[in-house]
Amino acid sequence: PRLHEEAPNAQRVSLDVGVTLQPSAPWLSCAPFLALTHGGKGFNLKVSPGQLPPGAHYAEVAGHDSSSPRRGPLFSLPVTVCRPHANLAAPHAPCHVAFERVAFSPGHIERRFVVPPRGATWATLTLRARGAPRSREPAGSVVYMYSLTQLLPQKHIGQSSETRRVTMGVPDEAQGAGAPATEYVSTVACVGGVTLEVAVAQWWMSLGETELDVRLDFFGLSPSVEQLTLDGRTLFSSLELHSFRRTSVEPEGSLKTLRRACRPLQAKLVPPAAPCGDVGIGDAGVGGKTPIYDYLLSYKFALKEACEGVTVRFPSLSAQLYESGYEAQLWALFDAHKRLLRWGDYYVDKTKLKAGEYEVRLQLRHDSPAHLEKLKDLPMVVDLQIAPVALSFHWSRASALDDPAAGPKPPLRRLLEPHTRVALHVASPAAPAIAEPGDTLLGSATFAKLSSEGVGAGKRPGGWPVTLFVPPAAKKEEPPKSASKDKEDETAPHRMEAALRALKISQLVNLSPKCKCKPPKEPAAAGEAAPLPHEAAAVRYEALLAELRAECAAAAAPPDAPPEVPPLL
């Protein structure tokens, strides 16, 4: 128990409740009595699941007030234990497990817990249906639901589980070759050493009793890094591959997304809104309520060309609903004409945009202004779907560098023996023209590829994430000038003559009789009267004009003159 923060200390000290602890299962043991004071108190609980059969088991520890047991439990502590039906992570354990002839009826659910081998990265699920021996319903198609789930730390359950509904046929000799398929195969990603729950149920509307064979085969080819990062400033990056079983290796991958980061152009803290009349609806904190503040962030980005898949996301806040530290989150996408195109909250989705400028506004809510002010520089990322950029894989550094001395490139497909390692080098591809320095290219890569005769996809679904940082753009080289043209420019005299003529023509404007020019600075000769300003300009104008006329009459433009030099009239 915890009293109010304004409660006096004497009341806090006087709080002492005697609690009797009662486990509901014999495999739980704890102290029989607990003295509960202000602020709460913990106790030790021992779980002994060694004698439990495989499956899910539930029990709880109830705490009753020892002075008044009839009041019911003050609290209940739930305890769930999952005992695996097959522990494939044990030494010398096989890489597969099968549960044969599992009986089903409408609405019936069967759960199995399997620990995958350490090093497993994907699993293949195989379902085979058959009719029950004493089933009274006619044979036909049956609908099943299955779910494969692993609980991983700090990861959304949707990223580590798969749930599907499948329709399968029950074998019947009277249907002949047109009978529906009785086998279903699916490949899912998994993590080795973490308990995998396999839940299968027959759809409640599918009548009849059936039997199902469930089989799981585990495979694995693990890279030394879970996320491969390619630096555009280097020629290649290296990693290692290892497997817990004999696996065929044939790496392939591509980059399909361009990610661009944007900083906010404006950040504004909005004070709480006043209540609306007598209703009392508002954020101002009426009646002892905590006031709520709004924080608005504005972003802008531009697209040079239309894009089929554009995703707006805030990496620090996305995919966090109940775990988010903020009360609310809402963003809206506008075009250049302030038209609302799309909006979202914690989860992202793709949209189709045309070329142009766009604005994104993000609204956050919290009762602490200081907590909101920390997000004034929160970056936003825009993911653009681009044409796939293929990745190049090599088994040696010389091959990654295209060394001619290395000889022909060896085959990319090879076999990896159990518990062995092999080095792999990935060349950094050239970024597409739309990419800018500082952008990031995202994609995926798969390293295993089993034979087509095997069951399932033969590789990890979704692959492994790959990231490429776009380096600064290369300097564009200007085309070199030919030697004959350079020599012609150096020896041709018409270049200098054209420049002199242009200068003389420009002086005619300043020496025109209609232009008021200043008198010459040379003093008049002794005994001669100084000419007037307009007379001196007229004399210089007539002399320069006569010189140009004589030059034009005597000289002709050279035949090799460039076209940009106009002929003199």
Protein backbone atom coordinates (compact mmCIF):
# COMPACT_ATOMS: atom_id res chain seq x y z
CA PRO A 1 0.00 0.00 0.00
CA ARG A 2 1.03 3.59 -0.61
CA LEU A 3 -0.62 6.55 1.08
CA HIS A 4 -1.13 9.98 -0.39
CA GLU A 5 1.98 12.11 -0.74
CA GLU A 6 0.50 14.69 1.65
CA ALA A 7 -0.29 12.11 4.35
CA PRO A 8 1.48 12.79 7.69
CA ASN A 9 4.45 10.65 8.64
CA ALA A 10 2.69 9.36 11.74
CA GLN A 11 0.00 7.79 9.59
CA ARG A 12 2.60 6.21 7.32
CA VAL A 13 4.50 4.69 10.23
CA SER A 14 1.34 3.35 11.85
CA LEU A 15 0.38 1.40 8.72
CA ASP A 16 1.10 -2.27 9.43
CA VAL A 17 -1.01 -5.03 7.88
CA GLY A 18 -0.45 -8.69 8.64
CA VAL A 19 -0.87 -10.75 5.47
CA THR A 20 -1.20 -14.52 5.18
CA LEU A 21 0.29 -15.95 1.96
CA GLN A 22 -1.42 -18.99 0.44
CA PRO A 23 -0.02 -20.64 -2.75
CA SER A 24 -2.59 -22.38 -4.92
CA ALA A 25 -0.28 -25.15 -6.21
CA PRO A 26 2.17 -27.49 -4.47
CA TRP A 27 4.99 -26.50 -6.84
CA LEU A 28 4.92 -22.98 -5.30
CA SER A 29 6.37 -22.30 -1.86
CA CYS A 30 6.85 -19.09 0.11
CA ALA A 31 6.77 -17.73 3.65
CA PRO A 32 3.38 -18.14 5.38
CA PHE A 33 3.24 -14.61 6.77
CA LEU A 34 4.17 -11.12 5.54
CA ALA A 35 4.19 -7.82 7.46
CA LEU A 36 3.00 -5.24 4.94
CA THR A 37 3.98 -1.62 5.65
CA HIS A 38 3.77 1.68 3.79
CA GLY A 39 5.59 1.52 0.45
CA GLY A 40 5.12 -2.25 0.04
CA LYS A 41 7.37 -5.17 0.80
CA GLY A 42 8.68 -8.10 -1.21
CA PHE A 43 8.98 -11.78 -0.41
CA ASN A 44 10.80 -14.78 -1.86
CA LEU A 45 8.87 -17.24 -4.02
CA LYS A 46 10.26 -20.64 -4.97
CA VAL A 47 9.04 -22.37 -8.12
CA SER A 48 9.72 -26.11 -8.50
CA PRO A 49 8.55 -27.15 -11.98
CA GLY A 50 10.67 -30.29 -12.16
CA GLN A 51 7.74 -32.66 -11.60
CA LEU A 52 5.30 -30.84 -13.88
CA PRO A 53 4.28 -32.48 -17.17
CA PRO A 54 4.95 -30.65 -20.48
CA GLY A 55 2.56 -27.83 -21.21
CA ALA A 56 1.33 -24.60 -19.67
CA HIS A 57 0.62 -24.45 -15.93
CA TYR A 58 -0.91 -21.63 -13.92
CA ALA A 59 -1.00 -20.91 -10.20
CA GLU A 60 -1.16 -17.87 -7.94
CA VAL A 61 -0.22 -16.69 -4.50
CA ALA A 62 -3.09 -15.00 -2.64
CA GLY A 63 -2.50 -12.58 0.22
CA HIS A 64 -5.27 -12.40 2.87
CA ASP A 65 -5.62 -10.00 5.77
CA SER A 66 -4.83 -12.16 8.80
CA SER A 67 -7.16 -10.09 11.00
CA SER A 68 -10.11 -10.46 8.59
CA PRO A 69 -9.76 -13.46 6.24
CA ARG A 70 -13.38 -13.18 5.09
CA ARG A 71 -12.62 -9.98 3.21
CA GLY A 72 -11.04 -12.01 0.48
CA PRO A 73 -7.52 -11.69 -0.93
CA LEU A 74 -5.88 -8.27 -0.76
CA PHE A 75 -3.72 -9.15 -3.76
CA SER A 76 -2.95 -12.09 -6.07
CA LEU A 77 0.40 -12.85 -7.65
CA PRO A 78 -0.04 -14.88 -10.89
CA VAL A 79 2.62 -17.43 -11.84
CA THR A 80 2.77 -19.16 -15.26
CA VAL A 81 5.17 -21.99 -16.07
CA CYS A 82 5.64 -23.40 -19.57
CA ARG A 83 7.31 -26.79 -19.68
CA PRO A 84 8.58 -27.61 -23.20
CA HIS A 85 7.37 -30.72 -24.96
CA ALA A 86 10.70 -30.92 -26.80
CA ASN A 87 14.00 -29.32 -25.82
CA LEU A 88 16.04 -29.34 -29.00
CA ALA A 89 18.70 -27.11 -27.41
CA ALA A 90 19.95 -30.04 -25.34
CA PRO A 91 23.19 -31.72 -26.42
CA HIS A 92 22.85 -34.31 -29.22
CA ALA A 93 19.18 -33.37 -29.74
CA PRO A 94 17.74 -33.64 -33.28
CA CYS A 95 16.87 -30.62 -35.42
CA HIS A 96 13.21 -31.52 -35.80
CA VAL A 97 10.19 -32.52 -33.73
CA ALA A 98 6.88 -34.14 -34.75
CA PHE A 99 3.54 -34.53 -33.00
CA GLU A 100 1.50 -37.17 -34.79
CA ARG A 101 -2.23 -37.82 -34.87
CA VAL A 102 -3.27 -34.87 -32.68
CA ALA A 103 -7.05 -35.03 -32.29
CA PHE A 104 -9.15 -31.95 -33.15
CA SER A 105 -12.81 -31.02 -33.01
CA PRO A 106 -14.61 -27.72 -33.74
CA GLY A 107 -13.18 -25.00 -31.47
CA HIS A 108 -10.55 -27.28 -29.89
CA ILE A 109 -7.06 -25.78 -29.30
CA GLU A 110 -3.80 -27.68 -28.94
CA ARG A 111 -0.65 -26.00 -27.65
CA ARG A 112 2.90 -27.29 -27.84
CA PHE A 113 6.10 -25.71 -26.51
CA VAL A 114 9.39 -26.35 -28.29
CA VAL A 115 12.86 -24.99 -27.55
CA PRO A 116 14.66 -24.52 -30.91
CA PRO A 117 18.32 -25.53 -31.26
CA ARG A 118 20.84 -22.84 -30.46
CA GLY A 119 21.81 -21.16 -33.71
CA ALA A 120 18.49 -21.77 -35.44
CA THR A 121 17.25 -18.78 -37.46
CA TRP A 122 14.17 -20.14 -39.21
CA ALA A 123 11.74 -23.05 -38.89
CA THR A 124 9.51 -24.91 -41.32
CA LEU A 125 6.03 -25.91 -40.11
CA THR A 126 4.32 -28.83 -41.84
CA LEU A 127 0.66 -29.70 -41.20
CA ARG A 128 -0.92 -32.92 -42.52
CA ALA A 129 -4.65 -33.50 -42.02
CA ARG A 130 -6.62 -36.73 -41.95
CA GLY A 131 -10.09 -37.71 -40.81
CA ALA A 132 -10.67 -39.29 -37.42
CA PRO A 133 -11.47 -43.00 -37.45
CA ARG A 134 -14.91 -42.49 -35.85
CA SER A 135 -15.84 -39.20 -37.49
CA ARG A 136 -19.50 -39.05 -38.59
CA GLU A 137 -19.16 -35.92 -40.71
CA PRO A 138 -18.54 -36.25 -44.46
CA ALA A 139 -15.01 -35.66 -45.67
CA GLY A 140 -14.21 -32.24 -47.12
CA SER A 141 -12.18 -29.12 -46.48
CA VAL A 142 -11.36 -28.13 -42.88
CA VAL A 143 -10.21 -24.72 -41.67
CA TYR A 144 -7.42 -24.51 -39.11
CA MET A 145 -5.83 -21.62 -37.26
CA TYR A 146 -2.20 -21.76 -36.18
CA SER A 147 0.03 -19.36 -34.27
CA LEU A 148 3.80 -19.46 -33.71
CA THR A 149 4.99 -17.11 -30.96
CA GLN A 150 8.26 -16.27 -29.22
CA LEU A 151 8.63 -13.69 -26.44
CA LEU A 152 11.72 -11.56 -27.05
CA PRO A 153 12.87 -8.74 -24.75
CA GLN A 154 11.95 -5.17 -25.78
CA LYS A 155 10.33 -6.38 -29.00
CA HIS A 156 6.74 -6.07 -30.17
CA ILE A 157 4.81 -9.33 -30.18
CA GLY A 158 3.83 -8.75 -33.80
CA GLN A 159 7.50 -8.93 -34.84
CA SER A 160 8.10 -12.33 -33.23
CA SER A 161 4.87 -14.18 -34.01
CA GLU A 162 2.85 -15.40 -36.98
CA THR A 163 -0.87 -16.22 -37.07
CA ARG A 164 -2.66 -17.60 -40.13
CA ARG A 165 -5.82 -19.38 -41.16
CA VAL A 166 -5.45 -22.24 -43.62
CA THR A 167 -7.92 -24.49 -45.40
CA MET A 168 -6.92 -28.11 -45.82
CA GLY A 169 -8.62 -31.16 -47.25
CA VAL A 170 -9.38 -34.36 -45.40
CA PRO A 171 -8.40 -37.43 -47.47
CA ASP A 172 -11.32 -39.18 -49.11
CA GLU A 173 -10.96 -41.91 -51.71
CA ALA A 174 -14.29 -41.00 -53.33
CA GLN A 175 -13.06 -37.51 -54.28
CA GLY A 176 -10.24 -38.86 -56.40
CA ALA A 177 -7.59 -36.57 -57.84
CA GLY A 178 -9.71 -33.42 -57.35
CA ALA A 179 -9.51 -33.58 -53.55
CA PRO A 180 -8.03 -30.51 -51.79
CA ALA A 181 -4.44 -30.65 -50.65
CA THR A 182 -3.88 -32.35 -47.30
CA GLU A 183 -0.51 -30.77 -46.51
CA TYR A 184 0.40 -27.18 -45.65
CA VAL A 185 3.98 -25.88 -45.32
CA SER A 186 5.06 -22.50 -43.94
CA THR A 187 8.44 -21.00 -43.07
CA VAL A 188 8.87 -18.56 -40.19
CA ALA A 189 11.83 -16.77 -38.61
CA CYS A 190 12.84 -17.78 -35.08
CA VAL A 191 15.54 -17.34 -32.46
CA GLY A 192 17.44 -20.35 -31.21
CA GLY A 193 17.27 -21.23 -27.52
CA VAL A 194 14.02 -19.26 -26.90
CA THR A 195 10.83 -21.24 -26.22
CA LEU A 196 8.51 -21.33 -29.23
CA GLU A 197 4.77 -21.78 -28.66
CA VAL A 198 2.89 -23.67 -31.38
CA ALA A 199 -0.87 -23.29 -31.09
CA VAL A 200 -3.20 -25.03 -33.56
CA ALA A 201 -7.01 -24.97 -33.50
CA GLN A 202 -9.80 -26.26 -35.69
CA TRP A 203 -12.18 -23.50 -36.81
CA TRP A 204 -15.42 -23.60 -34.85
CA MET A 205 -17.51 -23.70 -38.03
CA SER A 206 -15.56 -26.66 -39.48
CA LEU A 207 -17.60 -29.63 -38.36
CA GLY A 208 -16.29 -33.09 -37.82
CA GLU A 209 -13.42 -34.66 -35.94
CA THR A 210 -10.01 -34.64 -37.58
CA GLU A 211 -6.45 -35.60 -36.82
CA LEU A 212 -3.42 -33.50 -37.61
CA ASP A 213 0.29 -34.24 -37.85
CA VAL A 214 2.44 -31.28 -36.79
CA ARG A 215 6.13 -31.22 -37.66
CA LEU A 216 8.78 -28.54 -37.09
CA ASP A 217 12.17 -28.56 -38.84
CA PHE A 218 14.77 -26.03 -37.71
CA PHE A 219 17.54 -24.55 -39.84
CA GLY A 220 20.08 -21.86 -39.22
CA LEU A 221 22.79 -19.76 -40.80
CA SER A 222 23.77 -16.92 -38.50
CA PRO A 223 25.90 -13.91 -39.44
CA SER A 224 28.39 -12.45 -36.97
CA VAL A 225 26.37 -9.19 -36.96
CA GLU A 226 22.57 -9.12 -36.85
CA GLN A 227 22.49 -5.88 -38.86
CA LEU A 228 25.00 -5.45 -41.66
CA THR A 229 26.19 -1.84 -42.05
CA LEU A 230 27.88 -0.79 -45.30
CA ASP A 231 29.93 2.40 -45.27
CA GLY A 232 29.86 4.11 -48.65
CA ARG A 233 33.33 5.52 -47.98
CA THR A 234 34.81 2.00 -48.03
CA LEU A 235 34.90 -0.48 -50.89
CA PHE A 236 33.50 -3.45 -48.95
CA SER A 237 32.49 -4.72 -45.49
CA SER A 238 33.22 -8.11 -43.94
CA LEU A 239 31.34 -10.56 -41.73
CA GLU A 240 31.38 -14.23 -40.75
CA LEU A 241 28.77 -16.96 -41.20
CA HIS A 242 28.31 -20.03 -39.03
CA SER A 243 25.73 -22.81 -38.78
CA PHE A 244 24.79 -25.56 -36.31
CA ARG A 245 24.02 -28.03 -39.12
CA ARG A 246 25.15 -28.72 -42.68
CA THR A 247 23.74 -25.85 -44.74
CA SER A 248 23.99 -24.69 -48.32
CA VAL A 249 25.17 -21.06 -48.52
CA GLU A 250 24.24 -18.77 -51.42
CA PRO A 251 24.00 -15.11 -50.29
CA GLU A 252 21.81 -12.58 -52.07
CA GLY A 253 20.30 -9.24 -51.15
CA SER A 254 19.24 -5.80 -52.30
CA LEU A 255 18.49 -2.28 -51.04
CA LYS A 256 14.91 -1.10 -51.67
CA THR A 257 14.33 1.88 -49.36
CA LEU A 258 15.91 5.32 -49.18
CA ARG A 259 15.72 7.00 -45.76
CA ARG A 260 16.16 10.77 -45.42
CA ALA A 261 16.23 12.62 -42.10
CA CYS A 262 14.69 16.05 -41.52
CA ARG A 263 15.03 18.45 -38.60
CA PRO A 264 12.04 20.50 -37.39
CA LEU A 265 11.76 24.00 -38.79
CA GLN A 266 9.56 25.19 -35.96
CA ALA A 267 8.72 24.03 -32.43
CA LYS A 268 5.93 25.60 -30.41
CA LEU A 269 4.68 24.92 -26.89
CA VAL A 270 0.91 25.45 -26.60
CA PRO A 271 -0.44 26.22 -23.08
CA PRO A 272 -3.36 24.22 -21.70
CA ALA A 273 -6.77 25.09 -23.11
CA ALA A 274 -9.38 26.63 -20.80
CA PRO A 275 -12.51 24.63 -19.89
CA CYS A 276 -15.49 24.91 -22.22
CA GLY A 277 -18.18 26.67 -20.16
CA ASP A 278 -19.71 24.70 -17.29
CA VAL A 279 -18.86 21.33 -18.78
CA GLY A 280 -15.32 21.42 -17.43
CA ILE A 281 -13.74 19.83 -20.51
CA GLY A 282 -10.27 21.26 -21.07
CA ASP A 283 -6.56 20.89 -20.34
CA ALA A 284 -6.17 23.69 -17.78
CA GLY A 285 -6.34 21.33 -14.80
CA VAL A 286 -9.67 22.31 -13.25
CA GLY A 287 -10.66 20.52 -10.05
CA GLY A 288 -7.18 19.41 -9.06
CA LYS A 289 -6.37 17.82 -12.43
CA THR A 290 -2.88 18.09 -13.86
CA PRO A 291 -2.68 20.57 -16.76
CA ILE A 292 -1.77 19.08 -20.15
CA TYR A 293 0.49 20.92 -22.61
CA ASP A 294 0.63 20.52 -26.39
CA TYR A 295 3.88 20.61 -28.36
CA LEU A 296 3.76 21.24 -32.12
CA LEU A 297 6.66 20.43 -34.45
CA SER A 298 6.73 21.38 -38.14
CA TYR A 299 8.81 19.61 -40.82
CA LYS A 300 9.21 20.10 -44.57
CA PHE A 301 10.57 17.89 -47.34
CA ALA A 302 10.45 17.80 -51.13
CA LEU A 303 10.22 15.05 -53.74
CA LYS A 304 11.84 15.51 -57.15
CA GLU A 305 9.74 12.74 -58.67
CA ALA A 306 6.63 10.75 -57.81
CA CYS A 307 7.05 7.83 -55.39
CA GLU A 308 4.74 4.86 -54.90
CA GLY A 309 5.64 4.19 -51.26
CA VAL A 310 6.44 7.08 -48.89
CA THR A 311 6.52 6.46 -45.15
CA VAL A 312 6.76 9.17 -42.49
CA ARG A 313 8.08 7.96 -39.17
CA PHE A 314 9.60 9.18 -35.92
CA PRO A 315 12.01 6.40 -34.87
CA SER A 316 12.15 7.42 -31.20
CA LEU A 317 8.36 7.39 -30.82
CA SER A 318 6.96 4.96 -33.41
CA ALA A 319 5.45 1.57 -32.46
CA GLN A 320 5.12 2.60 -28.80
CA LEU A 321 1.52 2.71 -27.62
CA TYR A 322 1.21 1.87 -23.94
CA GLU A 323 4.98 2.02 -23.45
CA SER A 324 5.18 5.61 -24.70
CA GLY A 325 6.21 8.28 -22.22
CA TYR A 326 3.83 10.83 -23.78
CA GLU A 327 0.08 11.05 -23.37
CA ALA A 328 -0.78 11.39 -27.06
CA GLN A 329 0.91 11.54 -30.45
CA LEU A 330 -0.58 12.64 -33.77
CA TRP A 331 1.00 13.67 -37.08
CA ALA A 332 -0.52 15.02 -40.30
CA LEU A 333 0.84 15.31 -43.85
CA PHE A 334 -0.01 18.37 -46.01
CA ASP A 335 0.92 19.31 -49.57
CA ALA A 336 2.07 22.74 -50.80
CA HIS A 337 -1.56 23.93 -50.92
CA LYS A 338 -2.18 23.04 -47.23
CA ARG A 339 -4.39 20.10 -48.21
CA LEU A 340 -4.47 17.22 -45.72
CA LEU A 341 -3.23 14.04 -47.39
CA ARG A 342 -2.69 11.59 -44.55
CA TRP A 343 -2.51 11.36 -40.79
CA GLY A 344 -1.30 8.80 -38.26
CA ASP A 345 -0.28 8.18 -34.68
CA TYR A 346 2.06 5.52 -33.31
CA TYR A 347 2.10 3.18 -36.31
CA VAL A 348 3.33 3.89 -39.84
CA ASP A 349 1.93 3.12 -43.27
CA LYS A 350 2.94 3.78 -46.86
CA THR A 351 1.30 6.38 -49.08
CA LYS A 352 1.67 7.46 -52.71
CA LEU A 353 2.91 11.04 -53.30
CA LYS A 354 3.57 13.13 -56.37
CA ALA A 355 6.58 15.35 -56.97
CA GLY A 356 6.44 18.57 -54.94
CA GLU A 357 6.89 20.07 -51.49
CA TYR A 358 5.21 18.68 -48.38
CA GLU A 359 4.84 19.61 -44.73
CA VAL A 360 4.44 17.33 -41.71
CA ARG A 361 3.10 18.54 -38.37
CA LEU A 362 3.59 16.50 -35.20
CA GLN A 363 1.58 17.06 -32.03
CA LEU A 364 2.62 15.64 -28.64
CA ARG A 365 0.96 15.99 -25.24
CA HIS A 366 2.42 15.84 -21.73
CA ASP A 367 1.98 17.49 -18.34
CA SER A 368 5.65 18.55 -18.15
CA PRO A 369 6.77 21.41 -20.42
CA ALA A 370 10.42 20.58 -19.75
CA HIS A 371 9.84 17.01 -20.95
CA LEU A 372 8.34 18.34 -24.18
CA GLU A 373 11.10 20.89 -24.75
CA LYS A 374 13.59 18.01 -25.05
CA LEU A 375 12.02 17.19 -28.42
CA LYS A 376 12.63 20.57 -30.06
CA ASP A 377 15.25 18.99 -32.35
CA LEU A 378 13.51 15.62 -32.79
CA PRO A 379 14.43 14.29 -36.26
CA MET A 380 11.83 12.88 -38.64
CA VAL A 381 12.74 10.29 -41.28
CA VAL A 382 11.06 9.86 -44.64
CA ASP A 383 11.34 6.42 -46.28
CA LEU A 384 11.10 6.35 -50.08
CA GLN A 385 10.60 3.16 -52.06
CA ILE A 386 13.20 2.94 -54.84
CA ALA A 387 14.23 0.46 -57.49
CA PRO A 388 16.20 -2.44 -55.95
CA VAL A 389 19.97 -1.95 -55.75
CA ALA A 390 21.61 -5.39 -55.91
CA LEU A 391 24.38 -6.34 -53.47
CA SER A 392 27.55 -8.11 -54.56
CA PHE A 393 29.01 -10.85 -52.32
CA HIS A 394 32.56 -12.25 -52.44
CA TRP A 395 34.47 -14.96 -50.62
CA SER A 396 37.84 -13.13 -50.67
CA ARG A 397 39.13 -9.59 -50.37
CA ALA A 398 40.84 -9.80 -53.76
CA SER A 399 37.55 -10.70 -55.40
CA ALA A 400 35.80 -7.81 -53.63
CA LEU A 401 38.45 -5.43 -54.98
CA ASP A 402 38.20 -6.87 -58.53
CA ASP A 403 41.88 -7.74 -58.49
CA PRO A 404 42.87 -9.13 -61.92
CA ALA A 405 45.49 -11.34 -60.27
CA ALA A 406 42.76 -13.15 -58.31
CA GLY A 407 41.52 -14.86 -61.44
CA PRO A 408 37.88 -15.66 -62.20
CA LYS A 409 35.31 -15.22 -59.45
CA PRO A 410 34.59 -18.53 -57.67
CA PRO A 411 31.02 -19.88 -57.48
CA LEU A 412 28.90 -18.15 -54.89
CA ARG A 413 27.18 -21.34 -53.75
CA ARG A 414 29.03 -23.53 -51.25
CA LEU A 415 28.36 -25.95 -48.40
CA LEU A 416 29.02 -25.00 -44.78
CA GLU A 417 29.74 -27.85 -42.40
CA PRO A 418 28.28 -27.90 -38.87
CA HIS A 419 29.96 -25.63 -36.31
CA THR A 420 32.31 -24.05 -38.84
CA ARG A 421 32.78 -20.44 -39.91
CA VAL A 422 33.40 -18.75 -43.23
CA ALA A 423 34.27 -15.13 -44.08
CA LEU A 424 32.06 -13.15 -46.46
CA HIS A 425 32.72 -9.73 -48.02
CA VAL A 426 29.98 -7.42 -49.28
CA ALA A 427 30.93 -4.70 -51.79
CA SER A 428 29.48 -1.23 -51.27
CA PRO A 429 27.18 -0.52 -54.24
CA ALA A 430 26.85 2.83 -55.99
CA ALA A 431 24.02 4.95 -54.62
CA PRO A 432 21.16 5.85 -56.99
CA ALA A 433 20.91 9.33 -58.49
CA ILE A 434 18.10 10.34 -56.13
CA ALA A 435 20.26 9.74 -53.05
CA GLU A 436 22.03 12.67 -51.36
CA PRO A 437 25.02 12.69 -48.99
CA GLY A 438 23.79 11.78 -45.52
CA ASP A 439 20.92 9.57 -46.73
CA THR A 440 20.61 5.91 -45.81
CA LEU A 441 19.70 2.96 -48.03
CA LEU A 442 17.89 0.08 -46.33
CA GLY A 443 17.32 -3.48 -47.48
CA SER A 444 17.81 -7.10 -46.53
CA ALA A 445 20.06 -10.05 -47.32
CA THR A 446 19.71 -13.81 -47.06
CA PHE A 447 22.70 -16.09 -46.78
CA ALA A 448 21.27 -19.63 -47.04
CA LYS A 449 19.48 -21.26 -49.93
CA LEU A 450 18.49 -24.88 -49.61
CA SER A 451 17.75 -27.08 -52.58
CA SER A 452 14.35 -26.83 -54.25
CA GLU A 453 13.66 -30.43 -53.29
CA GLY A 454 13.62 -29.51 -49.61
CA VAL A 455 10.57 -28.49 -47.61
CA GLY A 456 9.81 -24.81 -47.10
CA ALA A 457 11.38 -21.64 -48.40
CA GLY A 458 14.94 -22.80 -47.73
CA LYS A 459 16.03 -19.47 -46.21
CA ARG A 460 15.14 -17.09 -43.41
CA PRO A 461 11.92 -15.15 -44.20
CA GLY A 462 12.61 -11.43 -44.33
CA GLY A 463 16.36 -11.99 -44.27
CA TRP A 464 18.75 -9.86 -42.24
CA PRO A 465 18.68 -6.04 -42.30
CA VAL A 466 21.31 -4.21 -44.37
CA THR A 467 22.11 -0.48 -44.15
CA LEU A 468 24.24 1.64 -46.51
CA PHE A 469 25.35 5.19 -45.63
CA VAL A 470 25.51 7.37 -48.73
CA PRO A 471 28.94 9.09 -49.00
CA PRO A 472 29.63 12.54 -50.48
CA ALA A 473 29.10 12.71 -54.22
CA ALA A 474 32.10 12.19 -56.47
CA LYS A 475 33.55 15.23 -58.24
CA LYS A 476 32.46 15.45 -61.85
CA GLU A 477 35.37 15.63 -64.29
CA GLU A 478 35.15 18.19 -67.07
CA PRO A 479 35.87 16.83 -70.56
CA PRO A 480 39.44 17.72 -71.58
CA LYS A 481 39.90 20.18 -74.46
CA SER A 482 41.60 18.97 -77.60
CA ALA A 483 45.22 20.05 -78.18
CA SER A 484 44.47 21.48 -81.66
CA LYS A 485 41.76 23.76 -80.27
CA ASP A 486 44.05 25.02 -77.49
CA LYS A 487 46.78 25.75 -80.01
CA GLU A 488 44.36 27.58 -82.28
CA ASP A 489 43.16 29.76 -79.38
CA GLU A 490 46.75 30.70 -78.52
CA THR A 491 47.92 31.61 -82.07
CA ALA A 492 44.79 33.09 -83.67
CA PRO A 493 45.26 36.89 -83.83
CA HIS A 494 41.60 37.66 -84.41
CA ARG A 495 40.87 37.12 -80.69
CA MET A 496 42.92 40.17 -79.72
CA GLU A 497 41.67 42.23 -82.65
CA ALA A 498 38.05 41.45 -81.83
CA ALA A 499 38.58 42.56 -78.25
CA LEU A 500 40.15 45.85 -79.37
CA ARG A 501 37.32 46.56 -81.78
CA ALA A 502 34.75 45.88 -79.09
CA LEU A 503 36.53 48.31 -76.78
CA LYS A 504 36.64 51.06 -79.41
CA ILE A 505 32.97 50.60 -80.23
CA SER A 506 32.07 50.90 -76.57
CA GLN A 507 33.97 54.20 -76.40
CA LEU A 508 31.88 55.66 -79.22
CA VAL A 509 28.91 55.85 -76.87
CA ASN A 510 30.85 57.92 -74.33
CA LEU A 511 32.36 60.25 -77.01
CA SER A 512 29.10 60.88 -78.86
CA PRO A 513 28.32 64.63 -79.32
CA LYS A 514 24.96 63.99 -77.63
CA CYS A 515 26.73 62.82 -74.46
CA LYS A 516 27.93 65.34 -71.93
CA CYS A 517 31.55 64.33 -71.35
CA LYS A 518 34.22 65.87 -69.21
CA PRO A 519 37.02 67.91 -70.94
CA PRO A 520 40.40 66.25 -71.45
CA LYS A 521 42.86 66.57 -68.62
CA GLU A 522 45.79 67.61 -70.94
CA PRO A 523 46.51 71.37 -70.65
CA ALA A 524 46.30 73.52 -73.83
CA ALA A 525 49.52 74.47 -75.64
CA ALA A 526 51.00 77.90 -75.06
CA GLY A 527 49.31 80.63 -77.08
CA GLU A 528 46.30 78.44 -77.88
CA ALA A 529 42.89 78.81 -76.42
CA ALA A 530 41.57 75.81 -74.45
CA PRO A 531 38.84 74.05 -76.45
CA LEU A 532 35.36 73.82 -75.04
CA PRO A 533 34.31 70.50 -73.46
CA HIS A 534 31.88 69.54 -76.18
CA GLU A 535 34.40 70.47 -78.87
CA ALA A 536 37.10 68.21 -77.38
CA ALA A 537 34.67 65.27 -77.18
CA ALA A 538 33.55 65.85 -80.75
CA VAL A 539 37.15 65.81 -81.99
CA ARG A 540 37.92 62.52 -80.22
CA TYR A 541 34.67 61.00 -81.47
CA GLU A 542 35.38 61.91 -85.10
CA ALA A 543 38.96 60.60 -84.87
CA LEU A 544 37.95 57.26 -83.35
CA LEU A 545 35.10 56.82 -85.83
CA ALA A 546 37.37 57.50 -88.76
CA GLU A 547 39.90 54.96 -87.46
CA LEU A 548 37.24 52.28 -87.13
CA ARG A 549 35.87 52.95 -90.62
CA ALA A 550 39.34 52.68 -92.11
CA GLU A 551 40.02 49.45 -90.24
CA CYS A 552 36.74 47.91 -91.33
CA ALA A 553 37.34 48.86 -94.90
CA ALA A 554 40.90 47.52 -95.01
CA ALA A 555 40.63 44.42 -92.87
CA ALA A 556 38.37 41.44 -93.40
CA ALA A 557 37.35 38.91 -90.76
CA PRO A 558 39.55 35.79 -90.79
CA PRO A 559 37.89 32.67 -92.12
CA ASP A 560 38.49 30.75 -88.86
CA ALA A 561 36.72 33.33 -86.68
CA PRO A 562 34.36 31.77 -84.12
CA PRO A 563 30.61 32.15 -84.74
CA GLU A 564 30.07 34.08 -81.51
CA VAL A 565 32.06 37.14 -82.79
CA PRO A 566 29.66 39.31 -84.87
CA PRO A 567 31.04 40.90 -88.06
CA LEU A 568 31.50 44.67 -88.05
CA LEU A 569 29.27 46.71 -90.29
